[in-house]
Amino acid sequence: MKDNKGRFVKTTGSTRYKRIERNGKNLQLHRYLWEQYHNREIPEGFIIHHIDNNRDNNKIENLDLMSYAEHNYLHGKGRKPWNYGVKCPNISESKMGHIVTEEQIQKQKETWKNKYIESMKLIDDLFKKGLDFKEIGGKLGLSYRTVHWRYKKYIEDYEGECWNERNTRRNK
């Protein structure tokens, strides 16, 4: 519903998320609350995830900053991708019907690792200084889960250790 100036004053329920009007802008409430609490904007390429998957629960402890890739991974667990087993479409004659190779998959993984390596190293340094995942997340504006996931990937992919073995040694 809009007021006489065309501003949204109440949602009709047709939107997926609760909305709020601030400074002449129509905003998603959960994004606004996260930005106000953390006193910063949501970085480009990141979203605010509802931890309990309830879009009406906008308590700050239920809101989690994560990248699109992490969010897609989270919601895609156990599902086969939409294009599973499908050959690539006819983009060009040379690529017609090709199937993704292991080499292409490895190249994509390297691209991801290169994108996040600096934050992974920083997380590792802070963890070695005695901070826990929640404290590191607070310093970096990341969720506990994001910090945990990046640290685990860093240990397994860059230090060549098994995550479970490292945790077993650490907890003795």
Protein backbone atom coordinates (compact mmCIF):
# COMPACT_ATOMS: atom_id res chain seq x y z
CA MET A 1 0.00 0.00 0.00
CA LYS A 2 1.29 3.48 -0.85
CA ASP A 3 0.54 6.85 0.68
CA ASN A 4 -0.54 9.97 -1.27
CA LYS A 5 3.13 10.64 -2.19
CA GLY A 6 3.58 7.17 -3.70
CA ARG A 7 5.70 5.83 -0.82
CA PHE A 8 5.21 2.33 0.55
CA VAL A 9 3.63 2.46 3.99
CA LYS A 10 2.52 -1.14 4.33
CA THR A 11 3.29 -4.32 2.46
CA THR A 12 0.43 -6.16 0.80
CA GLY A 13 1.95 -9.52 1.62
CA SER A 14 2.81 -10.15 -2.01
CA THR A 15 6.51 -9.52 -1.36
CA ARG A 16 8.79 -12.22 0.01
CA TYR A 17 10.24 -10.06 2.77
CA LYS A 18 8.96 -7.39 5.13
CA ARG A 19 9.79 -3.93 3.86
CA ILE A 20 10.42 -0.55 5.48
CA GLU A 21 10.46 3.04 4.20
CA ARG A 22 13.56 5.07 5.16
CA ASN A 23 14.83 8.32 3.65
CA GLY A 24 12.51 7.95 0.68
CA LYS A 25 13.74 4.41 -0.08
CA ASN A 26 11.77 1.19 0.11
CA LEU A 27 14.09 -1.32 1.83
CA GLN A 28 13.96 -4.95 2.88
CA LEU A 29 13.63 -4.89 6.68
CA HIS A 30 16.16 -7.64 7.40
CA ARG A 31 18.85 -5.91 5.32
CA TYR A 32 18.13 -2.56 6.99
CA LEU A 33 18.31 -4.08 10.50
CA TRP A 34 21.62 -5.83 9.77
CA GLU A 35 23.17 -2.61 8.40
CA GLN A 36 21.97 -0.58 11.39
CA TYR A 37 23.26 -3.11 13.92
CA HIS A 38 26.68 -3.48 12.26
CA ASN A 39 26.88 0.22 11.33
CA ARG A 40 27.96 -0.52 7.76
CA GLU A 41 26.53 -1.38 4.37
CA ILE A 42 26.21 -4.92 3.12
CA PRO A 43 29.24 -5.54 0.89
CA GLU A 44 28.67 -6.10 -2.81
CA GLY A 45 28.22 -9.79 -3.60
CA PHE A 46 26.82 -10.58 -0.14
CA ILE A 47 23.33 -11.16 1.16
CA ILE A 48 21.61 -11.41 4.53
CA HIS A 49 20.41 -14.93 5.25
CA HIS A 50 17.68 -15.86 7.75
CA ILE A 51 19.37 -18.65 9.77
CA ASP A 52 16.09 -20.34 10.73
CA ASN A 53 14.70 -19.85 7.17
CA ASN A 54 11.80 -17.84 8.60
CA ARG A 55 11.59 -14.58 6.65
CA ASP A 56 9.44 -13.04 9.38
CA ASN A 57 12.10 -13.58 12.09
CA ASN A 58 14.26 -10.47 11.76
CA LYS A 59 15.99 -10.71 15.14
CA ILE A 60 19.64 -9.74 14.71
CA GLU A 61 20.86 -13.14 15.96
CA ASN A 62 18.87 -14.74 13.13
CA LEU A 63 20.51 -12.64 10.40
CA ASP A 64 23.72 -13.87 8.81
CA LEU A 65 25.98 -12.15 6.25
CA MET A 66 27.15 -14.54 3.55
CA SER A 67 28.27 -14.48 -0.05
CA TYR A 68 25.91 -15.48 -2.85
CA ALA A 69 28.04 -18.59 -3.43
CA GLU A 70 27.83 -19.64 0.22
CA HIS A 71 24.07 -18.98 0.27
CA ASN A 72 23.53 -20.98 -2.90
CA TYR A 73 25.65 -23.80 -1.48
CA LEU A 74 23.69 -23.76 1.77
CA HIS A 75 20.32 -23.97 0.04
CA GLY A 76 21.56 -26.42 -2.58
CA LYS A 77 22.75 -29.17 -0.20
CA GLY A 78 21.44 -32.52 -1.25
CA ARG A 79 20.02 -31.20 -4.50
CA LYS A 80 21.36 -31.92 -7.92
CA PRO A 81 22.03 -28.77 -9.94
CA TRP A 82 19.34 -27.79 -12.43
CA ASN A 83 21.69 -28.71 -15.28
CA TYR A 84 22.94 -32.01 -13.82
CA GLY A 85 23.74 -34.42 -16.65
CA VAL A 86 22.77 -31.90 -19.31
CA LYS A 87 25.19 -31.05 -22.05
CA CYS A 88 26.06 -27.40 -22.52
CA PRO A 89 23.66 -25.52 -24.81
CA ASN A 90 24.66 -24.57 -28.31
CA ILE A 91 26.58 -21.43 -27.43
CA SER A 92 28.94 -21.77 -30.37
CA GLU A 93 29.85 -24.43 -32.92
CA SER A 94 33.10 -25.28 -31.12
CA LYS A 95 31.38 -25.74 -27.74
CA MET A 96 28.24 -27.44 -29.01
CA GLY A 97 27.21 -30.23 -26.66
CA HIS A 98 30.45 -30.28 -24.64
CA ILE A 99 30.46 -31.68 -21.13
CA VAL A 100 32.26 -29.88 -18.30
CA THR A 101 35.68 -31.42 -17.73
CA GLU A 102 37.52 -32.08 -14.46
CA GLU A 103 40.05 -29.46 -15.58
CA GLN A 104 37.31 -26.82 -15.84
CA ILE A 105 36.01 -27.76 -12.39
CA GLN A 106 39.52 -27.40 -10.90
CA LYS A 107 39.94 -24.03 -12.63
CA GLN A 108 36.69 -22.82 -11.07
CA LYS A 109 37.81 -24.01 -7.61
CA GLU A 110 41.12 -22.15 -8.01
CA THR A 111 39.26 -18.99 -8.98
CA TRP A 112 37.17 -19.24 -5.81
CA LYS A 113 40.22 -19.89 -3.62
CA ASN A 114 42.11 -16.95 -5.11
CA LYS A 115 39.13 -14.70 -4.39
CA TYR A 116 39.03 -15.61 -0.68
CA ILE A 117 42.66 -16.48 0.13
CA GLU A 118 43.38 -13.18 1.91
CA SER A 119 40.41 -13.51 4.24
CA MET A 120 41.30 -17.17 4.82
CA LYS A 121 44.85 -16.20 5.88
CA LEU A 122 43.50 -13.45 8.14
CA ILE A 123 41.07 -15.89 9.77
CA ASP A 124 43.93 -18.34 10.32
CA ASP A 125 46.11 -15.61 11.91
CA LEU A 126 43.31 -14.48 14.23
CA PHE A 127 42.51 -18.07 15.17
CA LYS A 128 46.18 -18.68 16.05
CA LYS A 129 46.02 -15.58 18.30
CA GLY A 130 43.30 -17.29 20.31
CA LEU A 131 40.13 -15.73 18.92
CA ASP A 132 37.19 -18.05 18.34
CA PHE A 133 35.07 -18.14 15.18
CA LYS A 134 32.39 -15.87 16.63
CA GLU A 135 34.95 -13.21 17.67
CA ILE A 136 36.64 -13.40 14.26
CA GLY A 137 33.26 -13.07 12.57
CA GLY A 138 32.52 -9.96 14.63
CA LYS A 139 35.83 -8.38 13.63
CA LEU A 140 35.38 -9.17 9.93
CA GLY A 141 31.62 -8.69 9.68
CA LEU A 142 31.13 -12.35 8.76
CA SER A 143 28.94 -15.01 10.28
CA TYR A 144 30.27 -17.74 12.54
CA ARG A 145 29.45 -20.27 9.82
CA THR A 146 31.23 -18.30 7.09
CA VAL A 147 34.38 -18.01 9.21
CA HIS A 148 34.23 -21.71 10.12
CA TRP A 149 33.72 -22.75 6.48
CA ARG A 150 36.55 -20.57 5.13
CA TYR A 151 38.92 -21.72 7.87
CA LYS A 152 38.12 -25.37 7.18
CA LYS A 153 38.71 -24.87 3.45
CA TYR A 154 41.99 -23.10 4.21
CA ILE A 155 43.24 -25.94 6.43
CA GLU A 156 42.28 -28.66 3.96
CA ASP A 157 43.28 -26.93 0.72
CA TYR A 158 46.32 -24.88 1.70
CA GLU A 159 47.85 -26.60 4.69
CA GLY A 160 47.05 -30.08 3.40
CA GLU A 161 45.66 -31.29 6.71
CA CYS A 162 42.49 -33.18 7.36
CA TRP A 163 40.05 -30.98 9.27
CA ASN A 164 38.94 -33.80 11.58
CA GLU A 165 42.53 -34.77 12.46
CA ARG A 166 43.47 -31.17 13.28
CA ASN A 167 40.43 -30.71 15.52
CA THR A 168 41.14 -34.02 17.29
CA ARG A 169 44.72 -32.89 18.05
CA ARG A 170 43.57 -29.43 19.14
CA ASN A 171 40.94 -30.72 21.55
CA LYS A 172 43.31 -33.08 23.43
